[in-house]
Amino acid sequence: MSLSLILSIAQLVVAALLVASILLQDRGTGLGMAFGGEGNVYRTKRGVEKRLFQATIVLAILFFGLALAHALV
């Protein structure tokens, strides 16, 4: 197996995990509050929600790194 194929497979797996982690996040945040959403302006993330948010950041950085490595190989 070539390095390019391994990077492509890893990037595909990380992309699927990144999409899943984004879709699993809370839908009540963001622009929804501008149109009559919840009254909480500031809300801290706790528990699973915080871990999912951190995992999304890590996956995004990993995806970018894999894409950069794949472009250089």
N, C-alpha and C. Protein backbone atom coordinates (compact mmCIF):
# COMPACT_ATOMS: atom_id res chain seq x y z
N MET A 1 0.84 -1.19 0.00
CA MET A 1 0.00 0.00 0.00
C MET A 1 0.88 1.25 0.00
N SER A 2 0.55 2.16 -0.85
CA SER A 2 1.34 3.39 -0.93
C SER A 2 0.89 4.38 0.14
N LEU A 3 1.74 5.32 0.42
CA LEU A 3 1.45 6.34 1.43
C LEU A 3 0.26 7.20 1.02
N SER A 4 0.14 7.45 -0.26
CA SER A 4 -0.98 8.26 -0.76
C SER A 4 -2.32 7.57 -0.51
N LEU A 5 -2.37 6.26 -0.69
CA LEU A 5 -3.60 5.51 -0.44
C LEU A 5 -3.95 5.50 1.04
N ILE A 6 -2.95 5.33 1.89
CA ILE A 6 -3.18 5.34 3.34
C ILE A 6 -3.70 6.70 3.79
N LEU A 7 -3.10 7.78 3.28
CA LEU A 7 -3.56 9.12 3.63
C LEU A 7 -4.99 9.37 3.13
N SER A 8 -5.32 8.86 1.95
CA SER A 8 -6.67 9.03 1.41
C SER A 8 -7.70 8.31 2.27
N ILE A 9 -7.39 7.10 2.69
CA ILE A 9 -8.31 6.34 3.53
C ILE A 9 -8.48 7.01 4.90
N ALA A 10 -7.36 7.46 5.48
CA ALA A 10 -7.41 8.14 6.77
C ALA A 10 -8.21 9.43 6.67
N GLN A 11 -8.04 10.15 5.60
CA GLN A 11 -8.78 11.40 5.41
C GLN A 11 -10.27 11.13 5.25
N LEU A 12 -10.62 10.08 4.56
CA LEU A 12 -12.03 9.72 4.40
C LEU A 12 -12.67 9.34 5.73
N VAL A 13 -11.97 8.58 6.54
CA VAL A 13 -12.49 8.19 7.85
C VAL A 13 -12.65 9.41 8.76
N VAL A 14 -11.64 10.27 8.80
CA VAL A 14 -11.72 11.47 9.63
C VAL A 14 -12.83 12.40 9.13
N ALA A 15 -13.03 12.49 7.83
CA ALA A 15 -14.10 13.33 7.29
C ALA A 15 -15.47 12.82 7.73
N ALA A 16 -15.66 11.51 7.70
CA ALA A 16 -16.94 10.94 8.14
C ALA A 16 -17.16 11.19 9.62
N LEU A 17 -16.12 11.03 10.43
CA LEU A 17 -16.24 11.30 11.87
C LEU A 17 -16.50 12.78 12.14
N LEU A 18 -15.88 13.64 11.37
CA LEU A 18 -16.08 15.09 11.54
C LEU A 18 -17.52 15.47 11.21
N VAL A 19 -18.05 14.95 10.14
CA VAL A 19 -19.45 15.23 9.77
C VAL A 19 -20.39 14.73 10.86
N ALA A 20 -20.14 13.53 11.37
CA ALA A 20 -20.99 12.97 12.42
C ALA A 20 -20.92 13.82 13.68
N SER A 21 -19.73 14.26 14.06
CA SER A 21 -19.62 15.06 15.28
C SER A 21 -20.28 16.42 15.13
N ILE A 22 -20.25 16.99 13.95
CA ILE A 22 -20.93 18.27 13.72
C ILE A 22 -22.44 18.08 13.78
N LEU A 23 -22.94 17.01 13.18
CA LEU A 23 -24.38 16.79 13.16
C LEU A 23 -24.93 16.41 14.53
N LEU A 24 -24.12 15.87 15.41
CA LEU A 24 -24.58 15.48 16.74
C LEU A 24 -24.64 16.65 17.72
N GLN A 25 -24.09 17.77 17.36
CA GLN A 25 -24.09 18.91 18.28
C GLN A 25 -25.47 19.52 18.40
N ASP A 26 -25.63 20.31 19.47
CA ASP A 26 -26.93 20.92 19.80
C ASP A 26 -27.39 21.84 18.68
N ARG A 27 -28.66 21.70 18.31
CA ARG A 27 -29.20 22.50 17.20
C ARG A 27 -29.76 23.84 17.66
N GLY A 28 -29.90 24.09 18.94
CA GLY A 28 -30.51 25.31 19.44
C GLY A 28 -29.57 26.49 19.53
N THR A 29 -28.35 26.35 19.10
CA THR A 29 -27.40 27.45 19.21
C THR A 29 -27.20 28.12 17.86
N GLY A 30 -26.49 29.21 17.88
CA GLY A 30 -26.15 29.88 16.63
C GLY A 30 -27.21 30.87 16.21
N LEU A 31 -27.59 30.86 14.95
CA LEU A 31 -28.52 31.84 14.41
C LEU A 31 -29.93 31.67 14.95
N GLY A 32 -30.26 30.53 15.50
CA GLY A 32 -31.60 30.31 16.03
C GLY A 32 -31.97 31.28 17.13
N MET A 33 -30.99 31.74 17.89
CA MET A 33 -31.28 32.67 18.98
C MET A 33 -31.63 34.06 18.45
N ALA A 34 -31.18 34.39 17.27
CA ALA A 34 -31.50 35.69 16.71
C ALA A 34 -32.97 35.79 16.31
N PHE A 35 -33.61 34.66 16.08
CA PHE A 35 -35.01 34.64 15.66
C PHE A 35 -35.91 34.06 16.73
N GLY A 36 -35.65 34.40 17.99
CA GLY A 36 -36.54 33.98 19.06
C GLY A 36 -36.21 32.64 19.67
N GLY A 37 -34.95 32.30 19.71
CA GLY A 37 -34.53 31.05 20.33
C GLY A 37 -34.56 31.17 21.84
N GLU A 38 -33.77 30.38 22.51
CA GLU A 38 -33.72 30.40 23.96
C GLU A 38 -33.24 31.75 24.46
N GLY A 39 -33.62 32.09 25.68
CA GLY A 39 -33.24 33.36 26.27
C GLY A 39 -31.82 33.38 26.79
N ASN A 40 -31.19 32.24 26.93
CA ASN A 40 -29.82 32.21 27.44
C ASN A 40 -28.87 32.77 26.39
N VAL A 41 -28.23 33.86 26.74
CA VAL A 41 -27.26 34.43 25.81
C VAL A 41 -25.94 33.69 25.95
N TYR A 42 -25.56 33.37 27.19
CA TYR A 42 -24.30 32.68 27.43
C TYR A 42 -24.60 31.40 28.18
N ARG A 43 -24.14 30.30 27.64
CA ARG A 43 -24.38 29.00 28.27
C ARG A 43 -23.11 28.19 28.17
N THR A 44 -22.67 27.61 29.28
CA THR A 44 -21.45 26.82 29.25
C THR A 44 -21.76 25.40 28.81
N LYS A 45 -20.83 24.83 28.12
CA LYS A 45 -20.96 23.44 27.68
C LYS A 45 -20.49 22.54 28.82
N ARG A 46 -21.23 21.47 29.06
CA ARG A 46 -20.89 20.56 30.15
C ARG A 46 -21.01 19.12 29.68
N GLY A 47 -20.22 18.28 30.28
CA GLY A 47 -20.34 16.84 30.06
C GLY A 47 -20.07 16.41 28.64
N VAL A 48 -21.02 15.64 28.11
CA VAL A 48 -20.88 15.06 26.77
C VAL A 48 -20.82 16.16 25.71
N GLU A 49 -21.59 17.21 25.91
CA GLU A 49 -21.61 18.31 24.95
C GLU A 49 -20.23 18.95 24.82
N LYS A 50 -19.54 19.11 25.94
CA LYS A 50 -18.20 19.71 25.92
C LYS A 50 -17.20 18.77 25.23
N ARG A 51 -17.28 17.48 25.54
CA ARG A 51 -16.38 16.50 24.92
C ARG A 51 -16.61 16.41 23.41
N LEU A 52 -17.86 16.48 22.99
CA LEU A 52 -18.19 16.44 21.56
C LEU A 52 -17.65 17.67 20.85
N PHE A 53 -17.75 18.83 21.50
CA PHE A 53 -17.21 20.07 20.95
C PHE A 53 -15.69 19.98 20.81
N GLN A 54 -15.01 19.46 21.83
CA GLN A 54 -13.57 19.31 21.78
C GLN A 54 -13.16 18.29 20.71
N ALA A 55 -13.92 17.21 20.60
CA ALA A 55 -13.62 16.20 19.58
C ALA A 55 -13.77 16.78 18.18
N THR A 56 -14.75 17.65 17.99
CA THR A 56 -14.95 18.28 16.69
C THR A 56 -13.74 19.15 16.32
N ILE A 57 -13.22 19.87 17.29
CA ILE A 57 -12.05 20.71 17.03
C ILE A 57 -10.84 19.85 16.68
N VAL A 58 -10.63 18.77 17.44
CA VAL A 58 -9.50 17.88 17.18
C VAL A 58 -9.63 17.23 15.80
N LEU A 59 -10.83 16.78 15.46
CA LEU A 59 -11.04 16.16 14.15
C LEU A 59 -10.83 17.14 13.01
N ALA A 60 -11.24 18.39 13.20
CA ALA A 60 -11.04 19.40 12.16
C ALA A 60 -9.56 19.67 11.94
N ILE A 61 -8.79 19.76 13.03
CA ILE A 61 -7.35 19.97 12.92
C ILE A 61 -6.68 18.76 12.26
N LEU A 62 -7.11 17.57 12.65
CA LEU A 62 -6.56 16.35 12.07
C LEU A 62 -6.89 16.25 10.58
N PHE A 63 -8.12 16.63 10.20
CA PHE A 63 -8.51 16.61 8.80
C PHE A 63 -7.66 17.58 7.98
N PHE A 64 -7.45 18.76 8.52
CA PHE A 64 -6.62 19.75 7.82
C PHE A 64 -5.18 19.24 7.67
N GLY A 65 -4.65 18.64 8.72
CA GLY A 65 -3.30 18.09 8.66
C GLY A 65 -3.17 16.99 7.64
N LEU A 66 -4.16 16.11 7.60
CA LEU A 66 -4.14 15.02 6.62
C LEU A 66 -4.25 15.56 5.19
N ALA A 67 -5.09 16.57 5.00
CA ALA A 67 -5.23 17.16 3.66
C ALA A 67 -3.93 17.83 3.22
N LEU A 68 -3.27 18.49 4.16
CA LEU A 68 -1.99 19.12 3.85
C LEU A 68 -0.93 18.07 3.53
N ALA A 69 -0.88 17.01 4.32
CA ALA A 69 0.10 15.94 4.09
C ALA A 69 -0.17 15.25 2.76
N HIS A 70 -1.44 15.06 2.44
CA HIS A 70 -1.79 14.40 1.18
C HIS A 70 -1.42 15.27 -0.01
N ALA A 71 -1.52 16.57 0.14
CA ALA A 71 -1.16 17.48 -0.96
C ALA A 71 0.35 17.52 -1.17
N LEU A 72 1.11 17.32 -0.11
CA LEU A 72 2.56 17.37 -0.22
C LEU A 72 3.17 16.07 -0.69
N VAL A 73 2.42 14.96 -0.60
CA VAL A 73 2.96 13.65 -0.99
C VAL A 73 2.73 13.39 -2.46
